[in-house]
Amino acid sequence: MTSGPLEFGPRRLPVWIARISGIGAFLLGAVVLAAAVMVASEGAFFVVFLGVFGLCALAFGWWIWVNGSRMAKLRAVVTPDALHIVAHSGRHLWFQRGLAEAAIPWGEVQGLTDVRVLNPAAPNRTQNTYILYTQRGDFTLNDVQWNDLEGLMREVSARSGRAPGEIAPERSAVRAEVKAGQRRLYSFQRILGWILVVGCAPLLLLLVLGGCIDGFSGDLARVAVFLAVGLALGVSMIRFYRKQT
């Protein structure tokens, strides 16, 4: 623990990925909408399909861009007296809210808890999400968005005098609410994993048997690859969340 200010910020690569993906999805939506206008005489169903797809792509691109822009603003400055932070507000494990800014004296930090979820894009396929409880509002931080989040949490723990998982008694009800949300998240992910396994495994087996009998075409091979990826993801989700409970 050093006496001078320490600064923490976002990971740059996810910020740029979000921005580029947002621009790409937005441009795709614009092109599809333009195509819908050009083929208006081809039939109502086809035009409606293109229009809905284009609008969804526009909305998705805007959503990704907004999230990338918010991610770029993440900041935390650790000083001897307080934590100055710009982070996602609230205690949301599913969808994050907007950003909030606060200067939190160390005596007003009420604790922090961590939640581990499966994320194929994260190092070791595990995303660590921390809930920071304070008298000036609660914050949600994860190590996919934050650079050296573990270092920041160590500083918060050391300077506030609260070990990870230690929560002020007056916040016990809120922590119970977060734990309930964690259990719901784990249950949903396990169910989704089983759906992928039950849905992909039989189809993949049928494709392999059909390929062995009649030969593998290019389209059949591509479908088999997608099913194998879905099956592997489902198995990973089941195994990961079984270990967490």
Protein backbone atom coordinates (compact mmCIF):
# COMPACT_ATOMS: atom_id res chain seq x y z
CA MET A 1 0.00 0.00 0.00
CA THR A 2 1.61 3.23 -1.18
CA SER A 3 0.99 6.72 0.19
CA GLY A 4 0.63 8.47 -3.19
CA PRO A 5 -2.43 8.37 -5.45
CA LEU A 6 -2.92 5.26 -7.57
CA GLU A 7 -4.91 5.38 -10.80
CA PHE A 8 -6.89 2.56 -12.39
CA GLY A 9 -8.78 2.59 -15.67
CA PRO A 10 -10.42 0.49 -18.37
CA ARG A 11 -8.90 -2.12 -20.63
CA ARG A 12 -8.34 -0.48 -24.00
CA LEU A 13 -8.93 -3.52 -26.23
CA PRO A 14 -12.57 -4.16 -25.12
CA VAL A 15 -13.30 -0.47 -25.56
CA TRP A 16 -12.14 -0.50 -29.18
CA ILE A 17 -13.83 -3.84 -29.89
CA ALA A 18 -17.13 -2.43 -28.60
CA ARG A 19 -16.79 0.75 -30.64
CA ILE A 20 -15.81 -1.00 -33.87
CA SER A 21 -18.54 -3.63 -33.41
CA GLY A 22 -21.10 -0.91 -32.73
CA ILE A 23 -20.15 0.97 -35.90
CA GLY A 24 -20.23 -2.27 -37.91
CA ALA A 25 -23.67 -3.28 -36.64
CA PHE A 26 -25.01 0.25 -37.20
CA LEU A 27 -23.72 0.32 -40.80
CA LEU A 28 -25.15 -3.16 -41.42
CA GLY A 29 -28.54 -2.00 -40.19
CA ALA A 30 -28.40 1.07 -42.44
CA VAL A 31 -27.51 -1.05 -45.48
CA VAL A 32 -30.30 -3.55 -44.76
CA LEU A 33 -32.85 -0.75 -44.36
CA ALA A 34 -31.72 0.78 -47.64
CA ALA A 35 -32.08 -2.64 -49.28
CA ALA A 36 -35.60 -2.96 -47.85
CA VAL A 37 -36.55 0.33 -49.51
CA MET A 38 -35.04 -0.73 -52.83
CA VAL A 39 -36.88 -4.09 -52.94
CA ALA A 40 -40.22 -2.77 -51.69
CA SER A 41 -41.97 -4.39 -54.65
CA GLU A 42 -40.68 -7.89 -53.88
CA GLY A 43 -43.35 -8.72 -51.32
CA ALA A 44 -44.55 -7.45 -47.97
CA PHE A 45 -43.12 -10.29 -45.85
CA PHE A 46 -39.60 -9.95 -47.25
CA VAL A 47 -39.63 -6.16 -46.86
CA VAL A 48 -40.91 -6.40 -43.27
CA PHE A 49 -38.24 -8.99 -42.46
CA LEU A 50 -35.49 -6.75 -43.82
CA GLY A 51 -36.93 -3.72 -42.03
CA VAL A 52 -37.11 -5.48 -38.65
CA PHE A 53 -33.62 -6.91 -39.07
CA GLY A 54 -32.22 -3.51 -40.04
CA LEU A 55 -33.84 -1.76 -37.07
CA CYS A 56 -32.56 -4.44 -34.68
CA ALA A 57 -29.05 -4.06 -36.10
CA LEU A 58 -29.24 -0.28 -35.67
CA ALA A 59 -30.40 -0.62 -32.07
CA PHE A 60 -27.77 -3.25 -31.30
CA GLY A 61 -25.01 -1.13 -32.82
CA TRP A 62 -26.12 1.91 -30.80
CA TRP A 63 -26.25 -0.17 -27.60
CA ILE A 64 -22.74 -1.57 -28.12
CA TRP A 65 -21.36 1.90 -28.94
CA VAL A 66 -22.92 3.40 -25.80
CA ASN A 67 -21.47 0.63 -23.65
CA GLY A 68 -18.04 1.07 -25.21
CA SER A 69 -18.19 4.82 -24.59
CA ARG A 70 -19.16 4.23 -20.97
CA MET A 71 -16.36 1.72 -20.57
CA ALA A 72 -13.84 4.30 -21.79
CA LYS A 73 -14.85 6.62 -18.93
CA LEU A 74 -14.19 4.13 -16.12
CA ARG A 75 -11.76 5.60 -13.58
CA ALA A 76 -10.63 5.00 -10.01
CA VAL A 77 -8.10 7.06 -8.09
CA VAL A 78 -6.92 5.74 -4.73
CA THR A 79 -5.70 8.43 -2.32
CA PRO A 80 -4.81 8.23 1.39
CA ASP A 81 -8.17 9.76 2.33
CA ALA A 82 -10.70 8.49 -0.18
CA LEU A 83 -11.55 6.50 -3.29
CA HIS A 84 -12.51 8.68 -6.27
CA ILE A 85 -14.42 6.47 -8.68
CA VAL A 86 -16.38 6.55 -11.93
CA ALA A 87 -18.03 3.15 -12.39
CA HIS A 88 -21.32 1.41 -13.19
CA SER A 89 -23.81 2.12 -10.44
CA GLY A 90 -25.91 -0.45 -8.63
CA ARG A 91 -25.59 -4.16 -7.97
CA HIS A 92 -26.42 -5.70 -11.34
CA LEU A 93 -24.97 -9.03 -12.42
CA TRP A 94 -27.02 -9.19 -15.63
CA PHE A 95 -27.20 -5.77 -17.30
CA GLN A 96 -25.20 -2.82 -16.05
CA ARG A 97 -26.70 0.60 -15.49
CA GLY A 98 -25.16 3.93 -16.35
CA LEU A 99 -22.09 5.40 -14.72
CA ALA A 100 -21.96 7.15 -11.36
CA GLU A 101 -19.18 9.28 -9.89
CA ALA A 102 -18.34 9.60 -6.21
CA ALA A 103 -15.57 10.50 -3.78
CA ILE A 104 -15.82 7.91 -1.00
CA PRO A 105 -13.90 8.32 2.27
CA TRP A 106 -12.44 5.01 3.38
CA GLY A 107 -14.62 5.00 6.48
CA GLU A 108 -17.71 4.93 4.25
CA VAL A 109 -16.71 1.76 2.39
CA GLN A 110 -19.03 -0.97 3.68
CA GLY A 111 -17.45 -3.98 2.00
CA LEU A 112 -17.07 -5.83 -1.27
CA THR A 113 -18.05 -9.23 -2.64
CA ASP A 114 -17.03 -11.06 -5.80
CA VAL A 115 -18.98 -13.25 -8.22
CA ARG A 116 -17.40 -15.56 -10.79
CA VAL A 117 -19.18 -16.22 -14.08
CA LEU A 118 -18.22 -18.08 -17.25
CA ASN A 119 -17.08 -15.77 -20.06
CA PRO A 120 -15.26 -17.31 -23.06
CA ALA A 121 -13.76 -13.88 -23.87
CA ALA A 122 -12.17 -13.50 -20.42
CA PRO A 123 -8.76 -14.80 -19.33
CA ASN A 124 -9.12 -18.44 -18.21
CA ARG A 125 -12.77 -18.15 -19.37
CA THR A 126 -13.69 -16.73 -15.95
CA GLN A 127 -15.00 -13.21 -15.36
CA ASN A 128 -14.71 -11.77 -11.86
CA THR A 129 -17.38 -9.24 -10.96
CA TYR A 130 -17.10 -7.21 -7.75
CA ILE A 131 -19.89 -5.43 -5.93
CA LEU A 132 -18.55 -2.47 -3.93
CA TYR A 133 -20.86 -1.37 -1.10
CA THR A 134 -20.53 2.20 0.17
CA GLN A 135 -22.59 4.81 1.98
CA ARG A 136 -22.55 6.89 -1.22
CA GLY A 137 -23.98 4.22 -3.46
CA ASP A 138 -23.01 0.76 -4.66
CA PHE A 139 -20.90 0.00 -7.73
CA THR A 140 -20.38 -2.99 -10.03
CA LEU A 141 -16.92 -3.64 -11.53
CA ASN A 142 -15.64 -6.58 -13.58
CA ASP A 143 -12.18 -7.56 -14.79
CA VAL A 144 -13.19 -7.76 -18.45
CA GLN A 145 -13.71 -3.99 -18.47
CA TRP A 146 -11.22 -2.89 -15.78
CA ASN A 147 -7.46 -3.11 -16.04
CA ASP A 148 -5.83 -4.63 -12.91
CA LEU A 149 -9.13 -4.86 -11.06
CA GLU A 150 -7.61 -7.28 -8.55
CA GLY A 151 -5.04 -4.61 -7.65
CA LEU A 152 -7.77 -2.02 -7.16
CA MET A 153 -9.77 -4.37 -4.92
CA ARG A 154 -6.66 -5.13 -2.84
CA GLU A 155 -6.16 -1.41 -2.26
CA VAL A 156 -9.82 -0.93 -1.33
CA SER A 157 -9.68 -3.86 1.08
CA ALA A 158 -6.44 -2.73 2.71
CA ARG A 159 -7.39 0.93 3.09
CA SER A 160 -10.97 0.31 4.25
CA GLY A 161 -9.93 -2.42 6.66
CA ARG A 162 -12.52 -4.84 5.26
CA ALA A 163 -11.45 -8.19 3.85
CA PRO A 164 -13.13 -9.39 0.62
CA GLY A 165 -16.53 -10.79 1.54
CA GLU A 166 -16.72 -8.83 4.80
CA ILE A 167 -19.82 -6.62 4.72
CA ALA A 168 -21.06 -4.10 7.25
CA PRO A 169 -23.93 -5.56 9.34
CA GLU A 170 -26.38 -2.91 8.13
CA ARG A 171 -25.89 -4.11 4.54
CA SER A 172 -26.54 -7.80 5.24
CA ALA A 173 -30.01 -7.66 3.65
CA VAL A 174 -28.56 -6.18 0.47
CA ARG A 175 -25.87 -8.82 0.35
CA ALA A 176 -28.53 -11.53 0.71
CA GLU A 177 -30.30 -9.97 -2.29
CA VAL A 178 -27.08 -10.11 -4.33
CA LYS A 179 -26.53 -13.75 -3.32
CA ALA A 180 -30.07 -14.59 -4.45
CA GLY A 181 -29.39 -12.92 -7.80
CA GLN A 182 -26.16 -14.91 -8.07
CA ARG A 183 -28.04 -18.18 -7.49
CA ARG A 184 -30.60 -17.23 -10.15
CA LEU A 185 -27.79 -16.41 -12.58
CA TYR A 186 -26.05 -19.73 -11.94
CA SER A 187 -29.32 -21.66 -12.32
CA PHE A 188 -30.13 -19.92 -15.60
CA GLN A 189 -26.66 -20.62 -16.99
CA ARG A 190 -26.83 -24.28 -16.00
CA ILE A 191 -30.26 -24.64 -17.62
CA LEU A 192 -28.96 -22.92 -20.76
CA GLY A 193 -26.01 -25.31 -20.77
CA TRP A 194 -28.30 -28.33 -20.59
CA ILE A 195 -30.47 -26.91 -23.40
CA LEU A 196 -27.38 -26.62 -25.59
CA VAL A 197 -26.25 -30.14 -24.74
CA VAL A 198 -29.68 -31.75 -25.24
CA GLY A 199 -30.28 -29.79 -28.44
CA CYS A 200 -26.85 -30.14 -30.06
CA ALA A 201 -25.73 -33.65 -29.06
CA PRO A 202 -28.46 -35.66 -30.88
CA LEU A 203 -28.27 -33.47 -33.99
CA LEU A 204 -24.50 -33.76 -34.09
CA LEU A 205 -24.73 -37.55 -33.73
CA LEU A 206 -27.26 -37.75 -36.59
CA LEU A 207 -25.05 -35.58 -38.79
CA VAL A 208 -21.99 -37.70 -38.08
CA LEU A 209 -23.90 -40.90 -38.83
CA GLY A 210 -25.34 -39.42 -42.01
CA GLY A 211 -21.90 -38.22 -43.07
CA CYS A 212 -20.39 -41.64 -42.49
CA ILE A 213 -23.09 -43.24 -44.63
CA ASP A 214 -23.54 -40.71 -47.45
CA GLY A 215 -20.36 -38.66 -47.14
CA PHE A 216 -19.74 -35.17 -45.77
CA SER A 217 -20.66 -32.19 -47.90
CA GLY A 218 -19.33 -28.71 -47.22
CA ASP A 219 -22.66 -27.52 -45.78
CA LEU A 220 -22.96 -30.61 -43.60
CA ALA A 221 -19.46 -30.11 -42.23
CA ARG A 222 -20.15 -26.46 -41.39
CA VAL A 223 -23.35 -27.34 -39.54
CA ALA A 224 -21.48 -30.06 -37.65
CA VAL A 225 -18.83 -27.55 -36.56
CA PHE A 226 -21.48 -25.15 -35.23
CA LEU A 227 -23.21 -27.97 -33.34
CA ALA A 228 -19.88 -29.13 -31.88
CA VAL A 229 -19.14 -25.60 -30.67
CA GLY A 230 -22.60 -25.36 -29.10
CA LEU A 231 -22.14 -28.73 -27.42
CA ALA A 232 -18.72 -27.78 -26.06
CA LEU A 233 -20.09 -24.48 -24.72
CA GLY A 234 -23.00 -26.27 -23.04
CA VAL A 235 -20.70 -28.79 -21.36
CA SER A 236 -18.40 -25.98 -20.21
CA MET A 237 -21.32 -24.08 -18.67
CA ILE A 238 -22.59 -27.14 -16.81
CA ARG A 239 -19.16 -28.05 -15.44
CA PHE A 240 -18.25 -24.47 -14.50
CA TYR A 241 -21.43 -23.70 -12.56
CA ARG A 242 -21.44 -27.10 -10.89
CA LYS A 243 -18.08 -26.16 -9.33
CA GLN A 244 -19.43 -22.80 -8.16
CA THR A 245 -22.24 -24.31 -6.09
